[in-house]
Amino acid sequence: MALAEITRAEVLAAVQESDRLGREAFRRQHGFGPARCYMLVHDGKAYDSRAIVGVAHGYLPGQQALLL
């Protein structure tokens, strides 16, 4: 599956996981460093964009989280 197949639902699932674990623990668990250029902002809270997209890919049926 391609990154283009990631929908809002998968992104929100990754955001919820990040909220549950905390930003640092979320990144560490999935092998990501801090965002360098772009942040995802949802409900006024900033998230590391690459980590969110990589983890969101794992919420697609039959897929795993990616390291981008």
Protein backbone atom coordinates (compact mmCIF):
# COMPACT_ATOMS: atom_id res chain seq x y z
CA MET A 1 0.00 0.00 0.00
CA ALA A 2 1.17 3.50 -0.78
CA LEU A 3 1.37 6.49 1.50
CA ALA A 4 -1.40 8.03 -0.63
CA GLU A 5 -3.79 5.43 0.80
CA ILE A 6 -3.45 6.78 4.34
CA THR A 7 -6.69 8.48 5.32
CA ARG A 8 -7.72 10.84 8.07
CA ALA A 9 -8.82 7.83 10.14
CA GLU A 10 -5.31 6.33 10.21
CA VAL A 11 -3.73 9.70 10.97
CA LEU A 12 -6.14 10.28 13.86
CA ALA A 13 -5.41 6.78 15.21
CA ALA A 14 -1.68 7.61 15.21
CA VAL A 15 -2.39 10.97 16.88
CA GLN A 16 -4.38 9.19 19.59
CA GLU A 17 -1.53 6.74 20.12
CA SER A 18 0.90 9.64 20.43
CA ASP A 19 -1.37 11.33 22.97
CA ARG A 20 -1.67 8.11 24.95
CA LEU A 21 2.07 7.38 25.02
CA GLY A 22 3.38 10.93 25.06
CA ARG A 23 5.39 12.53 22.26
CA GLU A 24 8.84 11.29 23.28
CA ALA A 25 7.75 7.72 24.09
CA PHE A 26 5.74 7.53 20.85
CA ARG A 27 8.75 8.52 18.77
CA ARG A 28 11.10 6.25 20.70
CA GLN A 29 8.76 3.24 20.43
CA HIS A 30 8.55 3.62 16.66
CA GLY A 31 12.17 4.64 16.03
CA PHE A 32 11.65 8.25 15.01
CA GLY A 33 13.56 11.37 15.96
CA PRO A 34 11.99 14.81 16.36
CA ALA A 35 10.56 16.52 13.29
CA ARG A 36 13.06 18.84 11.62
CA CYS A 37 10.92 20.83 9.22
CA TYR A 38 7.21 20.13 9.47
CA MET A 39 4.83 19.58 12.34
CA LEU A 40 1.27 18.32 12.15
CA VAL A 41 -1.08 20.50 14.20
CA HIS A 42 -4.33 18.96 15.36
CA ASP A 43 -6.66 20.61 17.87
CA GLY A 44 -3.93 23.11 18.69
CA LYS A 45 -1.36 20.46 19.58
CA ALA A 46 1.82 19.83 17.53
CA TYR A 47 2.92 16.35 16.44
CA ASP A 48 6.03 15.10 14.65
CA SER A 49 4.73 14.76 11.09
CA ARG A 50 7.00 11.95 9.88
CA ALA A 51 6.33 9.84 12.96
CA ILE A 52 2.57 10.30 12.63
CA VAL A 53 2.53 9.35 8.94
CA GLY A 54 4.84 6.39 9.47
CA VAL A 55 2.73 5.02 12.30
CA ALA A 56 -0.52 5.81 10.46
CA HIS A 57 0.65 3.48 7.68
CA GLY A 58 0.62 0.67 10.23
CA TYR A 59 -3.08 1.26 10.79
CA LEU A 60 -3.83 0.33 7.17
CA PRO A 61 -5.11 -3.26 6.83
CA GLY A 62 -2.24 -5.72 6.66
CA GLN A 63 0.48 -3.07 6.90
CA GLN A 64 3.22 -2.17 9.36
CA ALA A 65 4.43 1.20 10.58
CA LEU A 66 7.14 2.69 8.37
CA LEU A 67 10.35 4.52 9.14
CA LEU A 68 10.34 7.49 6.81
